PDB file of N, CA and C in Angstrom:
ATOM      1  N   MET A   1      19.332 -13.761 -17.611  1.00  0.00           N
ATOM      2  CA  MET A   1      18.831 -14.976 -17.007  1.00  0.00           C
ATOM      3  C   MET A   1      19.794 -16.140 -17.202  1.00  0.00           C
ATOM      4  N   ALA A   2      20.756 -16.015 -18.102  1.00  0.00           N
ATOM      5  CA  ALA A   2      21.682 -17.107 -18.367  1.00  0.00           C
ATOM      6  C   ALA A   2      22.537 -17.417 -17.141  1.00  0.00           C
ATOM      7  N   ASN A   3      22.797 -16.417 -16.301  1.00  0.00           N
ATOM      8  CA  ASN A   3      23.620 -16.620 -15.113  1.00  0.00           C
ATOM      9  C   ASN A   3      22.778 -16.843 -13.862  1.00  0.00           C
ATOM     10  N   SER A   4      21.514 -17.237 -14.024  1.00  0.00           N
ATOM     11  CA  SER A   4      20.651 -17.419 -12.856  1.00  0.00           C
ATOM     12  C   SER A   4      21.110 -18.620 -12.038  1.00  0.00           C
ATOM     13  N   LYS A   5      20.805 -18.570 -10.756  1.00  0.00           N
ATOM     14  CA  LYS A   5      21.237 -19.603  -9.826  1.00  0.00           C
ATOM     15  C   LYS A   5      20.431 -20.889 -10.060  1.00  0.00           C
ATOM     16  N   GLN A   6      21.126 -22.005 -10.064  1.00  0.00           N
ATOM     17  CA  GLN A   6      20.486 -23.316 -10.222  1.00  0.00           C
ATOM     18  C   GLN A   6      19.892 -23.729  -8.882  1.00  0.00           C
ATOM     19  N   LEU A   7      18.608 -23.924  -8.831  1.00  0.00           N
ATOM     20  CA  LEU A   7      17.963 -24.338  -7.589  1.00  0.00           C
ATOM     21  C   LEU A   7      18.232 -25.818  -7.338  1.00  0.00           C
ATOM     22  N   PRO A   8      18.465 -26.191  -6.072  1.00  0.00           N
ATOM     23  CA  PRO A   8      18.851 -27.581  -5.793  1.00  0.00           C
ATOM     24  C   PRO A   8      17.737 -28.581  -6.074  1.00  0.00           C
ATOM     25  N   HIS A   9      16.500 -28.195  -5.882  1.00  0.00           N
ATOM     26  CA  HIS A   9      15.423 -29.165  -6.065  1.00  0.00           C
ATOM     27  C   HIS A   9      15.087 -29.421  -7.537  1.00  0.00           C
ATOM     28  N   THR A  10      15.773 -28.736  -8.449  1.00  0.00           N
ATOM     29  CA  THR A  10      15.540 -28.991  -9.872  1.00  0.00           C
ATOM     30  C   THR A  10      16.465 -30.064 -10.431  1.00  0.00           C
ATOM     31  N   SER A  11      17.496 -30.437  -9.686  1.00  0.00           N
ATOM     32  CA  SER A  11      18.398 -31.479 -10.178  1.00  0.00           C
ATOM     33  C   SER A  11      17.819 -32.861  -9.861  1.00  0.00           C
ATOM     34  N   PRO A  12      18.068 -33.841 -10.712  1.00  0.00           N
ATOM     35  CA  PRO A  12      17.465 -35.168 -10.520  1.00  0.00           C
ATOM     36  C   PRO A  12      18.012 -35.940  -9.316  1.00  0.00           C
ATOM     37  N   ASP A  13      19.224 -35.629  -8.853  1.00  0.00           N
ATOM     38  CA  ASP A  13      19.803 -36.384  -7.741  1.00  0.00           C
ATOM     39  C   ASP A  13      19.614 -35.689  -6.387  1.00  0.00           C
ATOM     40  N   TRP A  14      18.703 -34.742  -6.307  1.00  0.00           N
ATOM     41  CA  TRP A  14      18.463 -33.996  -5.065  1.00  0.00           C
ATOM     42  C   TRP A  14      17.700 -34.855  -4.071  1.00  0.00           C
ATOM     43  N   THR A  15      18.188 -34.901  -2.838  1.00  0.00           N
ATOM     44  CA  THR A  15      17.563 -35.755  -1.822  1.00  0.00           C
ATOM     45  C   THR A  15      16.760 -34.963  -0.793  1.00  0.00           C
ATOM     46  N   GLY A  16      16.826 -33.655  -0.847  1.00  0.00           N
ATOM     47  CA  GLY A  16      16.046 -32.829   0.065  1.00  0.00           C
ATOM     48  C   GLY A  16      16.942 -31.921   0.887  1.00  0.00           C
ATOM     49  N   TYR A  17      16.308 -31.022   1.605  1.00  0.00           N
ATOM     50  CA  TYR A  17      17.042 -30.105   2.464  1.00  0.00           C
ATOM     51  C   TYR A  17      17.384 -30.789   3.782  1.00  0.00           C
ATOM     52  N   THR A  18      18.502 -30.367   4.365  1.00  0.00           N
ATOM     53  CA  THR A  18      18.851 -30.874   5.688  1.00  0.00           C
ATOM     54  C   THR A  18      18.102 -30.055   6.737  1.00  0.00           C
ATOM     55  N   LEU A  19      18.071 -30.528   7.946  1.00  0.00           N
ATOM     56  CA  LEU A  19      17.380 -29.841   9.024  1.00  0.00           C
ATOM     57  C   LEU A  19      18.016 -28.470   9.293  1.00  0.00           C
ATOM     58  N   ASP A  20      19.344 -28.407   9.205  1.00  0.00           N
ATOM     59  CA  ASP A  20      20.034 -27.132   9.411  1.00  0.00           C
ATOM     60  C   ASP A  20      19.686 -26.128   8.311  1.00  0.00           C
ATOM     61  N   GLU A  21      19.592 -26.587   7.064  1.00  0.00           N
ATOM     62  CA  GLU A  21      19.214 -25.692   5.967  1.00  0.00           C
ATOM     63  C   GLU A  21      17.797 -25.165   6.160  1.00  0.00           C
ATOM     64  N   LEU A  22      16.893 -26.019   6.586  1.00  0.00           N
ATOM     65  CA  LEU A  22      15.513 -25.588   6.843  1.00  0.00           C
ATOM     66  C   LEU A  22      15.458 -24.572   7.980  1.00  0.00           C
ATOM     67  N   ARG A  23      16.208 -24.802   9.029  1.00  0.00           N
ATOM     68  CA  ARG A  23      16.236 -23.859  10.150  1.00  0.00           C
ATOM     69  C   ARG A  23      16.814 -22.513   9.717  1.00  0.00           C
ATOM     70  N   TYR A  24      17.864 -22.551   8.896  1.00  0.00           N
ATOM     71  CA  TYR A  24      18.475 -21.320   8.412  1.00  0.00           C
ATOM     72  C   TYR A  24      17.480 -20.527   7.576  1.00  0.00           C
ATOM     73  N   VAL A  25      16.812 -21.177   6.653  1.00  0.00           N
ATOM     74  CA  VAL A  25      15.845 -20.491   5.791  1.00  0.00           C
ATOM     75  C   VAL A  25      14.699 -19.927   6.623  1.00  0.00           C
ATOM     76  N   ARG A  26      14.246 -20.682   7.598  1.00  0.00           N
ATOM     77  CA  ARG A  26      13.147 -20.226   8.451  1.00  0.00           C
ATOM     78  C   ARG A  26      13.569 -19.000   9.275  1.00  0.00           C
ATOM     79  N   ALA A  27      14.781 -19.027   9.839  1.00  0.00           N
ATOM     80  CA  ALA A  27      15.267 -17.892  10.625  1.00  0.00           C
ATOM     81  C   ALA A  27      15.479 -16.669   9.731  1.00  0.00           C
ATOM     82  N   TYR A  28      16.011 -16.880   8.539  1.00  0.00           N
ATOM     83  CA  TYR A  28      16.238 -15.789   7.595  1.00  0.00           C
ATOM     84  C   TYR A  28      14.909 -15.138   7.209  1.00  0.00           C
ATOM     85  N   THR A  29      13.894 -15.949   6.937  1.00  0.00           N
ATOM     86  CA  THR A  29      12.579 -15.436   6.569  1.00  0.00           C
ATOM     87  C   THR A  29      11.942 -14.685   7.733  1.00  0.00           C
ATOM     88  N   ALA A  30      12.071 -15.204   8.941  1.00  0.00           N
ATOM     89  CA  ALA A  30      11.509 -14.534  10.114  1.00  0.00           C
ATOM     90  C   ALA A  30      12.179 -13.177  10.342  1.00  0.00           C
ATOM     91  N   ALA A  31      13.487 -13.115  10.166  1.00  0.00           N
ATOM     92  CA  ALA A  31      14.204 -11.850  10.335  1.00  0.00           C
ATOM     93  C   ALA A  31      13.781 -10.844   9.268  1.00  0.00           C
ATOM     94  N   ARG A  32      13.639 -11.297   8.035  1.00  0.00           N
ATOM     95  CA  ARG A  32      13.215 -10.420   6.944  1.00  0.00           C
ATOM     96  C   ARG A  32      11.800  -9.884   7.198  1.00  0.00           C
ATOM     97  N   MET A  33      10.903 -10.739   7.682  1.00  0.00           N
ATOM     98  CA  MET A  33       9.541 -10.315   7.981  1.00  0.00           C
ATOM     99  C   MET A  33       9.527  -9.297   9.124  1.00  0.00           C
ATOM    100  N   GLU A  34      10.359  -9.511  10.127  1.00  0.00           N
ATOM    101  CA  GLU A  34      10.419  -8.572  11.255  1.00  0.00           C
ATOM    102  C   GLU A  34      10.930  -7.206  10.804  1.00  0.00           C
ATOM    103  N   LEU A  35      11.939  -7.186   9.934  1.00  0.00           N
ATOM    104  CA  LEU A  35      12.438  -5.908   9.413  1.00  0.00           C
ATOM    105  C   LEU A  35      11.367  -5.180   8.613  1.00  0.00           C
ATOM    106  N   ASN A  36      10.635  -5.901   7.781  1.00  0.00           N
ATOM    107  CA  ASN A  36       9.552  -5.279   7.015  1.00  0.00           C
ATOM    108  C   ASN A  36       8.459  -4.758   7.938  1.00  0.00           C
ATOM    109  N   ARG A  37       8.132  -5.509   8.983  1.00  0.00           N
ATOM    110  CA  ARG A  37       7.115  -5.082   9.936  1.00  0.00           C
ATOM    111  C   ARG A  37       7.548  -3.792  10.641  1.00  0.00           C
ATOM    112  N   GLU A  38       8.804  -3.719  11.039  1.00  0.00           N
ATOM    113  CA  GLU A  38       9.315  -2.514  11.695  1.00  0.00           C
ATOM    114  C   GLU A  38       9.307  -1.323  10.743  1.00  0.00           C
ATOM    115  N   ARG A  39       9.663  -1.556   9.480  1.00  0.00           N
ATOM    116  CA  ARG A  39       9.679  -0.488   8.483  1.00  0.00           C
ATOM    117  C   ARG A  39       8.267   0.059   8.264  1.00  0.00           C
ATOM    118  N   ILE A  40       7.282  -0.816   8.170  1.00  0.00           N
ATOM    119  CA  ILE A  40       5.894  -0.384   7.985  1.00  0.00           C
ATOM    120  C   ILE A  40       5.400   0.353   9.221  1.00  0.00           C
ATOM    121  N   THR A  41       5.729  -0.141  10.403  1.00  0.00           N
ATOM    122  CA  THR A  41       5.322   0.517  11.646  1.00  0.00           C
ATOM    123  C   THR A  41       5.916   1.915  11.738  1.00  0.00           C
ATOM    124  N   ALA A  42       7.165   2.072  11.341  1.00  0.00           N
ATOM    125  CA  ALA A  42       7.805   3.387  11.373  1.00  0.00           C
ATOM    126  C   ALA A  42       7.117   4.343  10.409  1.00  0.00           C
ATOM    127  N   ARG A  43       6.743   3.867   9.232  1.00  0.00           N
ATOM    128  CA  ARG A  43       6.035   4.725   8.274  1.00  0.00           C
ATOM    129  C   ARG A  43       4.681   5.146   8.810  1.00  0.00           C
ATOM    130  N   ILE A  44       3.951   4.223   9.426  1.00  0.00           N
ATOM    131  CA  ILE A  44       2.631   4.544   9.970  1.00  0.00           C
ATOM    132  C   ILE A  44       2.765   5.538  11.114  1.00  0.00           C
ATOM    133  N   ASP A  45       3.767   5.361  11.968  1.00  0.00           N
ATOM    134  CA  ASP A  45       3.988   6.306  13.066  1.00  0.00           C
ATOM    135  C   ASP A  45       4.311   7.694  12.533  1.00  0.00           C
ATOM    136  N   GLY A  46       5.089   7.768  11.467  1.00  0.00           N
ATOM    137  CA  GLY A  46       5.406   9.059  10.856  1.00  0.00           C
ATOM    138  C   GLY A  46       4.173   9.741  10.301  1.00  0.00           C
ATOM    139  N   ILE A  47       3.282   8.956   9.707  1.00  0.00           N
ATOM    140  CA  ILE A  47       2.044   9.518   9.166  1.00  0.00           C
ATOM    141  C   ILE A  47       1.158  10.008  10.304  1.00  0.00           C
ATOM    142  N   LYS A  48       1.080   9.235  11.389  1.00  0.00           N
ATOM    143  CA  LYS A  48       0.248   9.637  12.528  1.00  0.00           C
ATOM    144  C   LYS A  48       0.787  10.907  13.183  1.00  0.00           C
ATOM    145  N   LYS A  49       2.101  11.034  13.295  1.00  0.00           N
ATOM    146  CA  LYS A  49       2.693  12.215  13.927  1.00  0.00           C
ATOM    147  C   LYS A  49       2.458  13.461  13.087  1.00  0.00           C
ATOM    148  N   ASN A  50       2.566  13.331  11.765  1.00  0.00           N
ATOM    149  CA  ASN A  50       2.397  14.487  10.885  1.00  0.00           C
ATOM    150  C   ASN A  50       0.929  14.815  10.646  1.00  0.00           C
ATOM    151  N   GLY A  51       0.049  13.880  10.924  1.00  0.00           N
ATOM    152  CA  GLY A  51      -1.374  14.133  10.724  1.00  0.00           C
ATOM    153  C   GLY A  51      -1.776  14.162   9.267  1.00  0.00           C
ATOM    154  N   ILE A  52      -1.000  13.565   8.407  1.00  0.00           N
ATOM    155  CA  ILE A  52      -1.283  13.576   6.979  1.00  0.00           C
ATOM    156  C   ILE A  52      -1.817  12.216   6.580  1.00  0.00           C
ATOM    157  N   LYS A  53      -2.920  12.219   5.855  1.00  0.00           N
ATOM    158  CA  LYS A  53      -3.456  10.962   5.362  1.00  0.00           C
ATOM    159  C   LYS A  53      -2.588  10.481   4.209  1.00  0.00           C
ATOM    160  N   PRO A  54      -2.436   9.173   4.049  1.00  0.00           N
ATOM    161  CA  PRO A  54      -1.615   8.664   2.949  1.00  0.00           C
ATOM    162  C   PRO A  54      -2.193   9.081   1.600  1.00  0.00           C
ATOM    163  N   GLY A  55      -1.358   9.618   0.755  1.00  0.00           N
ATOM    164  CA  GLY A  55      -1.778  10.001  -0.585  1.00  0.00           C
ATOM    165  C   GLY A  55      -2.386  11.384  -0.658  1.00  0.00           C
ATOM    166  N   ALA A  56      -2.562  12.068   0.458  1.00  0.00           N
ATOM    167  CA  ALA A  56      -3.160  13.401   0.448  1.00  0.00           C
ATOM    168  C   ALA A  56      -2.093  14.437   0.109  1.00  0.00           C
ATOM    169  N   PRO A  57      -2.451  15.450  -0.681  1.00  0.00           N
ATOM    170  CA  PRO A  57      -1.482  16.510  -0.971  1.00  0.00           C
ATOM    171  C   PRO A  57      -1.130  17.288   0.299  1.00  0.00           C
ATOM    172  N   LYS A  58       0.029  17.916   0.323  1.00  0.00           N
ATOM    173  CA  LYS A  58       0.512  18.545   1.544  1.00  0.00           C
ATOM    174  C   LYS A  58       0.225  20.040   1.598  1.00  0.00           C
ATOM    175  N   GLY A  59      -0.328  20.623   0.551  1.00  0.00           N
ATOM    176  CA  GLY A  59      -0.580  22.058   0.527  1.00  0.00           C
ATOM    177  C   GLY A  59      -1.894  22.412   1.209  1.00  0.00           C
ATOM    178  N   LEU A  60      -2.500  23.489   0.729  1.00  0.00           N
ATOM    179  CA  LEU A  60      -3.762  23.969   1.292  1.00  0.00           C
ATOM    180  C   LEU A  60      -4.866  22.938   1.118  1.00  0.00           C
ATOM    181  N   ILE A  61      -4.900  22.313  -0.045  1.00  0.00           N
ATOM    182  CA  ILE A  61      -5.917  21.288  -0.295  1.00  0.00           C
ATOM    183  C   ILE A  61      -5.723  20.118   0.666  1.00  0.00           C
ATOM    184  N   GLY A  62      -4.498  19.755   0.952  1.00  0.00           N
ATOM    185  CA  GLY A  62      -4.223  18.679   1.897  1.00  0.00           C
ATOM    186  C   GLY A  62      -4.717  19.001   3.292  1.00  0.00           C
ATOM    187  N   LYS A  63      -4.576  20.261   3.701  1.00  0.00           N
ATOM    188  CA  LYS A  63      -5.076  20.659   5.016  1.00  0.00           C
ATOM    189  C   LYS A  63      -6.599  20.616   5.062  1.00  0.00           C
ATOM    190  N   VAL A  64      -7.227  21.044   3.960  1.00  0.00           N
ATOM    191  CA  VAL A  64      -8.691  21.002   3.904  1.00  0.00           C
ATOM    192  C   VAL A  64      -9.173  19.562   3.925  1.00  0.00           C
ATOM    193  N   ILE A  65      -8.555  18.714   3.131  1.00  0.00           N
ATOM    194  CA  ILE A  65      -8.933  17.295   3.090  1.00  0.00           C
ATOM    195  C   ILE A  65      -8.657  16.639   4.437  1.00  0.00           C
ATOM    196  N   GLY A  66      -7.560  17.023   5.079  1.00  0.00           N
ATOM    197  CA  GLY A  66      -7.224  16.456   6.379  1.00  0.00           C
ATOM    198  C   GLY A  66      -8.239  16.795   7.462  1.00  0.00           C
ATOM    199  N   ALA A  67      -8.967  17.906   7.285  1.00  0.00           N
ATOM    200  CA  ALA A  67      -9.958  18.298   8.276  1.00  0.00           C
ATOM    201  C   ALA A  67     -11.212  17.440   8.179  1.00  0.00           C
ATOM    202  N   PHE A  68     -11.458  16.840   7.022  1.00  0.00           N
ATOM    203  CA  PHE A  68     -12.638  16.015   6.823  1.00  0.00           C
ATOM    204  C   PHE A  68     -12.284  14.545   6.928  1.00  0.00           C
ATOM    205  N   GLY A  69     -13.255  13.737   7.284  1.00  0.00           N
ATOM    206  CA  GLY A  69     -13.082  12.296   7.269  1.00  0.00           C
ATOM    207  C   GLY A  69     -13.366  11.761   5.874  1.00  0.00           C
ATOM    208  N   TYR A  70     -13.103  10.488   5.674  1.00  0.00           N
ATOM    209  CA  TYR A  70     -13.326   9.894   4.363  1.00  0.00           C
ATOM    210  C   TYR A  70     -14.800   9.920   3.968  1.00  0.00           C
ATOM    211  N   LEU A  71     -15.685   9.679   4.916  1.00  0.00           N
ATOM    212  CA  LEU A  71     -17.113   9.684   4.620  1.00  0.00           C
ATOM    213  C   LEU A  71     -17.577  11.075   4.217  1.00  0.00           C
ATOM    214  N   ASP A  72     -17.078  12.105   4.896  1.00  0.00           N
ATOM    215  CA  ASP A  72     -17.429  13.480   4.545  1.00  0.00           C
ATOM    216  C   ASP A  72     -16.975  13.812   3.121  1.00  0.00           C
ATOM    217  N   ILE A  73     -15.772  13.394   2.777  1.00  0.00           N
ATOM    218  CA  ILE A  73     -15.248  13.663   1.438  1.00  0.00           C
ATOM    219  C   ILE A  73     -16.097  12.954   0.386  1.00  0.00           C
ATOM    220  N   MET A  74     -16.514  11.722   0.674  1.00  0.00           N
ATOM    221  CA  MET A  74     -17.342  10.982  -0.284  1.00  0.00           C
ATOM    222  C   MET A  74     -18.695  11.667  -0.458  1.00  0.00           C
ATOM    223  N   LEU A  75     -19.294  12.136   0.626  1.00  0.00           N
ATOM    224  CA  LEU A  75     -20.584  12.810   0.523  1.00  0.00           C
ATOM    225  C   LEU A  75     -20.478  14.119  -0.251  1.00  0.00           C
ATOM    226  N   ILE A  76     -19.444  14.887   0.001  1.00  0.00           N
ATOM    227  CA  ILE A  76     -19.244  16.149  -0.729  1.00  0.00           C
ATOM    228  C   ILE A  76     -19.038  15.869  -2.210  1.00  0.00           C
ATOM    229  N   ALA A  77     -18.233  14.870  -2.539  1.00  0.00           N
ATOM    230  CA  ALA A  77     -17.991  14.526  -3.939  1.00  0.00           C
ATOM    231  C   ALA A  77     -19.270  14.048  -4.612  1.00  0.00           C
ATOM    232  N   TRP A  78     -20.078  13.283  -3.908  1.00  0.00           N
ATOM    233  CA  TRP A  78     -21.338  12.781  -4.480  1.00  0.00           C
ATOM    234  C   TRP A  78     -22.296  13.932  -4.747  1.00  0.00           C
ATOM    235  N   ARG A  79     -22.415  14.858  -3.794  1.00  0.00           N
ATOM    236  CA  ARG A  79     -23.301  16.004  -3.991  1.00  0.00           C
ATOM    237  C   ARG A  79     -22.815  16.893  -5.128  1.00  0.00           C
ATOM    238  N   ALA A  80     -21.520  17.130  -5.195  1.00  0.00           N
ATOM    239  CA  ALA A  80     -20.972  17.949  -6.282  1.00  0.00           C
ATOM    240  C   ALA A  80     -21.178  17.261  -7.620  1.00  0.00           C
ATOM    241  N   GLY A  81     -21.033  15.959  -7.666  1.00  0.00           N
ATOM    242  CA  GLY A  81     -21.250  15.208  -8.905  1.00  0.00           C
ATOM    243  C   GLY A  81     -22.701  15.281  -9.361  1.00  0.00           C
ATOM    244  N   ARG A  82     -23.619  15.194  -8.427  1.00  0.00           N
ATOM    245  CA  ARG A  82     -25.046  15.312  -8.780  1.00  0.00           C
ATOM    246  C   ARG A  82     -25.360  16.675  -9.364  1.00  0.00           C
ATOM    247  N   LYS A  83     -24.844  17.739  -8.738  1.00  0.00           N
ATOM    248  CA  LYS A  83     -25.089  19.087  -9.242  1.00  0.00           C
ATOM    249  C   LYS A  83     -24.456  19.271 -10.611  1.00  0.00           C
ATOM    250  N   LEU A  84     -23.249  18.772 -10.785  1.00  0.00           N
ATOM    251  CA  LEU A  84     -22.575  18.880 -12.076  1.00  0.00           C
ATOM    252  C   LEU A  84     -23.347  18.120 -13.145  1.00  0.00           C
ATOM    253  N   PHE A  85     -23.876  16.954 -12.797  1.00  0.00           N
ATOM    254  CA  PHE A  85     -24.668  16.176 -13.745  1.00  0.00           C
ATOM    255  C   PHE A  85     -25.931  16.931 -14.147  1.00  0.00           C
ATOM    256  N   LYS A  86     -26.605  17.586 -13.184  1.00  0.00           N
ATOM    257  CA  LYS A  86     -27.814  18.350 -13.490  1.00  0.00           C
ATOM    258  C   LYS A  86     -27.494  19.524 -14.407  1.00  0.00           C
ATOM    259  N   VAL A  87     -26.371  20.186 -14.154  1.00  0.00           N
ATOM    260  CA  VAL A  87     -25.992  21.337 -14.980  1.00  0.00           C
ATOM    261  C   VAL A  87     -25.686  20.878 -16.394  1.00  0.00           C
ATOM    262  N   THR A  88     -24.939  19.807 -16.561  1.00  0.00           N
ATOM    263  CA  THR A  88     -24.604  19.341 -17.914  1.00  0.00           C
ATOM    264  C   THR A  88     -25.848  18.841 -18.636  1.00  0.00           C
ATOM    265  N   ARG A  89     -26.789  18.244 -17.909  1.00  0.00           N
ATOM    266  CA  ARG A  89     -28.036  17.798 -18.528  1.00  0.00           C
ATOM    267  C   ARG A  89     -28.869  18.992 -18.975  1.00  0.00           C
ATOM    268  N   ALA A  90     -28.869  20.056 -18.186  1.00  0.00           N
ATOM    269  CA  ALA A  90     -29.626  21.255 -18.541  1.00  0.00           C
ATOM    270  C   ALA A  90     -29.007  21.930 -19.763  1.00  0.00           C
ATOM    271  N   ILE A  91     -27.677  21.944 -19.847  1.00  0.00           N
ATOM    272  CA  ILE A  91     -27.011  22.551 -20.997  1.00  0.00           C
ATOM    273  C   ILE A  91     -27.272  21.747 -22.252  1.00  0.00           C
ATOM    274  N   LYS A  92     -27.212  20.447 -22.181  1.00  0.00           N
ATOM    275  CA  LYS A  92     -27.451  19.598 -23.351  1.00  0.00           C
ATOM    276  C   LYS A  92     -28.922  19.632 -23.783  1.00  0.00           C
ATOM    277  N   GLY A  93     -29.832  19.852 -22.834  1.00  0.00           N
ATOM    278  CA  GLY A  93     -31.253  19.881 -23.144  1.00  0.00           C
ATOM    279  C   GLY A  93     -31.676  21.115 -23.926  1.00  0.00           C
ATOM    280  N   ARG A  94     -30.898  22.178 -23.895  1.00  0.00           N
ATOM    281  CA  ARG A  94     -31.268  23.415 -24.585  1.00  0.00           C
ATOM    282  C   ARG A  94     -30.948  23.375 -26.023  1.00  0.00           C
TER     283      ARG A  94
END
């Protein structure tokens, strides 16, 4: 951090940015945002083409999960959790 850049607005004799500096920063930021937007769009298009949900495994389990919607997966998990809870309660009750 010792070699960090000194920001102009931290010096006491700073009078402000010029109009050209503001335009440059604005154009630079707009270009950076456009590149990020294109990068995200390309990733989403790749996911749509491959038919893979983000974060889903790519093997057999991924294909099974890909066949179901998110709501279906939540319902299956909830039902399995209820059955597992009943089984563990029955085991502890004995």
